[in-house]
Amino acid sequence: MENNKIIKFKGNILLRATNAIEITNKLLNIDLRKIHILHFDDHKLFLKGMELYLRKYFPNLTSEKFTNSQTALNYIKTSFKENIHLDLIITGLNQRPDINGYEFAKAVREIEKPANKRTYILLVSMYDLEFPLIKRGLEEKIFDKYFPKSADLEIIESIKLILGN
């Protein structure tokens, strides 16, 4: 109970440094766990912006960012072979000629089958929930969750739930 010791100084209540940091992190909604995500999107600026946004709440974040689907899928294959744990995959709908977010997520599900693993896939898109590929991906359980790109703290709270907080 030493960590819970309250210290008074000049009439103010102070907490031990370890508790103060812990309480501050909780108040600021900061999660200190190490998390490893893969983010695939066709917009480099969105990739970087999302990483900065997530790092604000998850300072121990490891983020693998990809704009090329084959490179991202190869990284996922390698991570399964080498037993590198991915906590989360974030993808956009990526309306690209070579692959879209639905096809990407479906390819991830195929890679996972032999490894008997399932990584949570979060779709963040400018398209709304009624967009056909979004509806289809959610119905087929290719995507686990969808958020519009305008979402804010809902994404953070969802990631915390995914991580078991």
C-alpha atoms as a PDB file:
ATOM      1  CA  MET A   1       0.000   0.000   0.000  1.00  0.00           C
ATOM      2  CA  GLU A   2       3.069   2.251  -0.089  1.00  0.00           C
ATOM      3  CA  ASN A   3       2.080   3.455  -3.567  1.00  0.00           C
ATOM      4  CA  ASN A   4      -1.235   4.717  -2.227  1.00  0.00           C
ATOM      5  CA  LYS A   5       0.394   6.960   0.358  1.00  0.00           C
ATOM      6  CA  ILE A   6      -0.925  10.521   0.339  1.00  0.00           C
ATOM      7  CA  ILE A   7       1.571  13.251   1.128  1.00  0.00           C
ATOM      8  CA  LYS A   8       0.579  16.760   2.219  1.00  0.00           C
ATOM      9  CA  PHE A   9       2.777  19.669   1.204  1.00  0.00           C
ATOM     10  CA  LYS A  10       1.879  23.274   1.999  1.00  0.00           C
ATOM     11  CA  GLY A  11      -1.771  22.300   2.465  1.00  0.00           C
ATOM     12  CA  ASN A  12      -1.981  20.549  -0.922  1.00  0.00           C
ATOM     13  CA  ILE A  13      -2.456  16.829  -1.286  1.00  0.00           C
ATOM     14  CA  LEU A  14       0.199  15.129  -3.383  1.00  0.00           C
ATOM     15  CA  LEU A  15       0.399  11.525  -4.462  1.00  0.00           C
ATOM     16  CA  ARG A  16       3.520   9.461  -4.830  1.00  0.00           C
ATOM     17  CA  ALA A  17       5.029   9.981  -8.283  1.00  0.00           C
ATOM     18  CA  THR A  18       4.083   6.520  -9.573  1.00  0.00           C
ATOM     19  CA  ASN A  19       0.447   6.998  -8.640  1.00  0.00           C
ATOM     20  CA  ALA A  20       0.388  10.550  -9.972  1.00  0.00           C
ATOM     21  CA  ILE A  21       1.612   9.384 -13.369  1.00  0.00           C
ATOM     22  CA  GLU A  22      -0.866   6.504 -13.383  1.00  0.00           C
ATOM     23  CA  ILE A  23      -3.761   8.802 -12.429  1.00  0.00           C
ATOM     24  CA  THR A  24      -2.711  11.412 -14.997  1.00  0.00           C
ATOM     25  CA  ASN A  25      -2.572   8.750 -17.720  1.00  0.00           C
ATOM     26  CA  LYS A  26      -6.072   7.567 -16.808  1.00  0.00           C
ATOM     27  CA  LEU A  27      -7.422  11.114 -16.765  1.00  0.00           C
ATOM     28  CA  LEU A  28      -5.876  11.834 -20.154  1.00  0.00           C
ATOM     29  CA  ASN A  29      -7.141   8.498 -21.494  1.00  0.00           C
ATOM     30  CA  ILE A  30      -3.575   7.246 -22.162  1.00  0.00           C
ATOM     31  CA  ASP A  31      -2.953   3.500 -22.450  1.00  0.00           C
ATOM     32  CA  LEU A  32       0.644   2.453 -21.770  1.00  0.00           C
ATOM     33  CA  ARG A  33       0.399  -1.098 -23.079  1.00  0.00           C
ATOM     34  CA  LYS A  34       2.527  -2.011 -26.059  1.00  0.00           C
ATOM     35  CA  ILE A  35       0.320  -2.495 -29.078  1.00  0.00           C
ATOM     36  CA  HIS A  36       1.237  -3.516 -32.594  1.00  0.00           C
ATOM     37  CA  ILE A  37      -0.961  -2.474 -35.502  1.00  0.00           C
ATOM     38  CA  LEU A  38      -0.835  -2.716 -39.252  1.00  0.00           C
ATOM     39  CA  HIS A  39      -2.447   0.148 -41.143  1.00  0.00           C
ATOM     40  CA  PHE A  40      -3.200  -0.148 -44.852  1.00  0.00           C
ATOM     41  CA  ASP A  41      -4.574   2.858 -46.695  1.00  0.00           C
ATOM     42  CA  ASP A  42      -4.038   4.508 -50.057  1.00  0.00           C
ATOM     43  CA  HIS A  43      -3.545   7.972 -48.539  1.00  0.00           C
ATOM     44  CA  LYS A  44      -0.098   8.507 -47.007  1.00  0.00           C
ATOM     45  CA  LEU A  45      -1.256  11.633 -45.215  1.00  0.00           C
ATOM     46  CA  PHE A  46      -4.104   9.728 -43.539  1.00  0.00           C
ATOM     47  CA  LEU A  47      -1.687   6.948 -42.527  1.00  0.00           C
ATOM     48  CA  LYS A  48       0.648   9.428 -40.853  1.00  0.00           C
ATOM     49  CA  GLY A  49      -2.185  11.430 -39.284  1.00  0.00           C
ATOM     50  CA  MET A  50      -3.831   8.308 -37.856  1.00  0.00           C
ATOM     51  CA  GLU A  51      -0.510   7.142 -36.428  1.00  0.00           C
ATOM     52  CA  LEU A  52       0.043  10.496 -34.704  1.00  0.00           C
ATOM     53  CA  TYR A  53      -3.525  10.459 -33.388  1.00  0.00           C
ATOM     54  CA  LEU A  54      -3.217   6.903 -32.032  1.00  0.00           C
ATOM     55  CA  ARG A  55       0.213   7.582 -30.518  1.00  0.00           C
ATOM     56  CA  LYS A  56      -1.382  10.374 -28.454  1.00  0.00           C
ATOM     57  CA  TYR A  57      -3.448   7.731 -26.638  1.00  0.00           C
ATOM     58  CA  PHE A  58      -1.119   4.740 -27.065  1.00  0.00           C
ATOM     59  CA  PRO A  59       2.452   6.063 -26.671  1.00  0.00           C
ATOM     60  CA  ASN A  60       3.931   2.541 -26.886  1.00  0.00           C
ATOM     61  CA  LEU A  61       2.397   1.956 -30.309  1.00  0.00           C
ATOM     62  CA  THR A  62       4.244   0.077 -33.023  1.00  0.00           C
ATOM     63  CA  SER A  63       2.648   0.965 -36.336  1.00  0.00           C
ATOM     64  CA  GLU A  64       3.360  -0.749 -39.646  1.00  0.00           C
ATOM     65  CA  LYS A  65       2.049   1.510 -42.411  1.00  0.00           C
ATOM     66  CA  PHE A  66       1.438   0.341 -45.980  1.00  0.00           C
ATOM     67  CA  THR A  67       0.035   1.874 -49.155  1.00  0.00           C
ATOM     68  CA  ASN A  68       0.835  -1.215 -51.234  1.00  0.00           C
ATOM     69  CA  SER A  69      -1.464  -4.201 -50.686  1.00  0.00           C
ATOM     70  CA  GLN A  70       1.055  -6.898 -51.648  1.00  0.00           C
ATOM     71  CA  THR A  71       3.677  -5.515 -49.288  1.00  0.00           C
ATOM     72  CA  ALA A  72       1.113  -5.376 -46.480  1.00  0.00           C
ATOM     73  CA  LEU A  73      -0.102  -8.931 -47.147  1.00  0.00           C
ATOM     74  CA  ASN A  74       3.495 -10.210 -47.299  1.00  0.00           C
ATOM     75  CA  TYR A  75       4.177  -8.562 -43.937  1.00  0.00           C
ATOM     76  CA  ILE A  76       1.116 -10.298 -42.460  1.00  0.00           C
ATOM     77  CA  LYS A  77       2.220 -13.681 -43.854  1.00  0.00           C
ATOM     78  CA  THR A  78       5.705 -13.188 -42.421  1.00  0.00           C
ATOM     79  CA  SER A  79       4.362 -12.057 -39.050  1.00  0.00           C
ATOM     80  CA  PHE A  80       2.285 -15.260 -38.771  1.00  0.00           C
ATOM     81  CA  LYS A  81       5.253 -17.429 -39.773  1.00  0.00           C
ATOM     82  CA  GLU A  82       7.568 -15.688 -37.305  1.00  0.00           C
ATOM     83  CA  ASN A  83       4.886 -15.537 -34.603  1.00  0.00           C
ATOM     84  CA  ILE A  84       4.845 -11.733 -34.514  1.00  0.00           C
ATOM     85  CA  HIS A  85       1.597 -10.688 -32.878  1.00  0.00           C
ATOM     86  CA  LEU A  86      -0.562  -8.026 -34.521  1.00  0.00           C
ATOM     87  CA  ASP A  87      -3.165  -6.565 -32.172  1.00  0.00           C
ATOM     88  CA  LEU A  88      -5.124  -4.833 -34.877  1.00  0.00           C
ATOM     89  CA  ILE A  89      -5.337  -4.174 -38.602  1.00  0.00           C
ATOM     90  CA  ILE A  90      -6.795  -0.866 -39.741  1.00  0.00           C
ATOM     91  CA  THR A  91      -7.769  -0.479 -43.362  1.00  0.00           C
ATOM     92  CA  GLY A  92      -9.551   2.010 -45.512  1.00  0.00           C
ATOM     93  CA  LEU A  93     -11.859   1.004 -48.315  1.00  0.00           C
ATOM     94  CA  ASN A  94      -9.061   1.921 -50.745  1.00  0.00           C
ATOM     95  CA  GLN A  95     -10.817   2.221 -54.053  1.00  0.00           C
ATOM     96  CA  ARG A  96      -7.694   1.291 -56.013  1.00  0.00           C
ATOM     97  CA  PRO A  97      -7.440  -0.560 -59.303  1.00  0.00           C
ATOM     98  CA  ASP A  98      -5.379  -3.427 -57.837  1.00  0.00           C
ATOM     99  CA  ILE A  99      -7.306  -4.071 -54.595  1.00  0.00           C
ATOM    100  CA  ASN A 100      -9.859  -2.443 -52.342  1.00  0.00           C
ATOM    101  CA  GLY A 101     -10.187  -2.631 -48.554  1.00  0.00           C
ATOM    102  CA  TYR A 102     -12.772  -5.401 -48.740  1.00  0.00           C
ATOM    103  CA  GLU A 103     -10.539  -7.566 -50.964  1.00  0.00           C
ATOM    104  CA  PHE A 104      -7.546  -6.770 -48.743  1.00  0.00           C
ATOM    105  CA  ALA A 105      -9.399  -7.801 -45.576  1.00  0.00           C
ATOM    106  CA  LYS A 106     -10.674 -10.950 -47.299  1.00  0.00           C
ATOM    107  CA  ALA A 107      -7.081 -11.833 -48.288  1.00  0.00           C
ATOM    108  CA  VAL A 108      -6.036 -11.339 -44.650  1.00  0.00           C
ATOM    109  CA  ARG A 109      -8.772 -13.781 -43.563  1.00  0.00           C
ATOM    110  CA  GLU A 110      -7.420 -16.342 -46.056  1.00  0.00           C
ATOM    111  CA  ILE A 111      -3.866 -15.907 -44.717  1.00  0.00           C
ATOM    112  CA  GLU A 112      -5.151 -16.409 -41.173  1.00  0.00           C
ATOM    113  CA  LYS A 113      -6.951 -19.709 -41.838  1.00  0.00           C
ATOM    114  CA  PRO A 114      -3.915 -22.049 -41.835  1.00  0.00           C
ATOM    115  CA  ALA A 115      -2.467 -20.241 -38.808  1.00  0.00           C
ATOM    116  CA  ASN A 116      -5.817 -20.645 -37.003  1.00  0.00           C
ATOM    117  CA  LYS A 117      -5.633 -16.992 -35.965  1.00  0.00           C
ATOM    118  CA  ARG A 118      -7.986 -14.062 -36.302  1.00  0.00           C
ATOM    119  CA  THR A 119      -6.802 -10.472 -36.166  1.00  0.00           C
ATOM    120  CA  TYR A 120      -9.327  -7.748 -35.473  1.00  0.00           C
ATOM    121  CA  ILE A 121      -9.869  -5.671 -38.638  1.00  0.00           C
ATOM    122  CA  LEU A 122     -11.132  -2.145 -38.200  1.00  0.00           C
ATOM    123  CA  LEU A 123     -12.415  -0.369 -41.302  1.00  0.00           C
ATOM    124  CA  VAL A 124     -12.097   3.428 -41.303  1.00  0.00           C
ATOM    125  CA  SER A 125     -13.618   4.969 -44.398  1.00  0.00           C
ATOM    126  CA  MET A 126     -15.051   8.180 -45.800  1.00  0.00           C
ATOM    127  CA  TYR A 127     -17.932   6.091 -47.174  1.00  0.00           C
ATOM    128  CA  ASP A 128     -20.981   5.584 -44.980  1.00  0.00           C
ATOM    129  CA  LEU A 129     -22.296   2.359 -43.521  1.00  0.00           C
ATOM    130  CA  GLU A 130     -24.709   1.880 -46.413  1.00  0.00           C
ATOM    131  CA  PHE A 131     -21.906   1.613 -48.978  1.00  0.00           C
ATOM    132  CA  PRO A 132     -22.264  -1.889 -50.522  1.00  0.00           C
ATOM    133  CA  LEU A 133     -18.710  -3.144 -49.819  1.00  0.00           C
ATOM    134  CA  ILE A 134     -18.893  -1.947 -46.214  1.00  0.00           C
ATOM    135  CA  LYS A 135     -22.248  -3.650 -45.628  1.00  0.00           C
ATOM    136  CA  ARG A 136     -21.033  -6.833 -47.318  1.00  0.00           C
ATOM    137  CA  GLY A 137     -17.762  -6.911 -45.375  1.00  0.00           C
ATOM    138  CA  LEU A 138     -19.555  -6.492 -42.050  1.00  0.00           C
ATOM    139  CA  GLU A 139     -22.233  -9.067 -42.910  1.00  0.00           C
ATOM    140  CA  GLU A 140     -19.591 -11.607 -43.965  1.00  0.00           C
ATOM    141  CA  LYS A 141     -17.521 -10.764 -40.861  1.00  0.00           C
ATOM    142  CA  ILE A 142     -14.571  -9.773 -43.029  1.00  0.00           C
ATOM    143  CA  PHE A 143     -14.463  -6.456 -41.130  1.00  0.00           C
ATOM    144  CA  ASP A 144     -14.987  -6.554 -37.379  1.00  0.00           C
ATOM    145  CA  LYS A 145     -15.942  -2.915 -36.977  1.00  0.00           C
ATOM    146  CA  TYR A 146     -16.511   0.169 -39.116  1.00  0.00           C
ATOM    147  CA  PHE A 147     -15.936   3.839 -38.335  1.00  0.00           C
ATOM    148  CA  PRO A 148     -16.296   6.857 -40.575  1.00  0.00           C
ATOM    149  CA  LYS A 149     -13.102   8.870 -41.001  1.00  0.00           C
ATOM    150  CA  SER A 150     -14.832  11.648 -39.057  1.00  0.00           C
ATOM    151  CA  ALA A 151     -14.975   9.488 -35.898  1.00  0.00           C
ATOM    152  CA  ASP A 152     -12.813  10.618 -33.007  1.00  0.00           C
ATOM    153  CA  LEU A 153     -12.648   9.126 -29.529  1.00  0.00           C
ATOM    154  CA  GLU A 154     -14.980   6.301 -30.570  1.00  0.00           C
ATOM    155  CA  ILE A 155     -12.033   4.758 -32.422  1.00  0.00           C
ATOM    156  CA  ILE A 156      -9.819   4.982 -29.322  1.00  0.00           C
ATOM    157  CA  GLU A 157     -12.504   3.457 -27.081  1.00  0.00           C
ATOM    158  CA  SER A 158     -13.083   0.673 -29.597  1.00  0.00           C
ATOM    159  CA  ILE A 159      -9.368  -0.139 -29.743  1.00  0.00           C
ATOM    160  CA  LYS A 160      -9.268  -0.265 -25.941  1.00  0.00           C
ATOM    161  CA  LEU A 161     -12.161  -2.745 -26.001  1.00  0.00           C
ATOM    162  CA  ILE A 162     -10.364  -4.812 -28.616  1.00  0.00           C
ATOM    163  CA  LEU A 163      -7.283  -4.883 -26.405  1.00  0.00           C
ATOM    164  CA  GLY A 164      -9.375  -5.961 -23.448  1.00  0.00           C
ATOM    165  CA  ASN A 165      -9.462  -2.759 -21.411  1.00  0.00           C
END
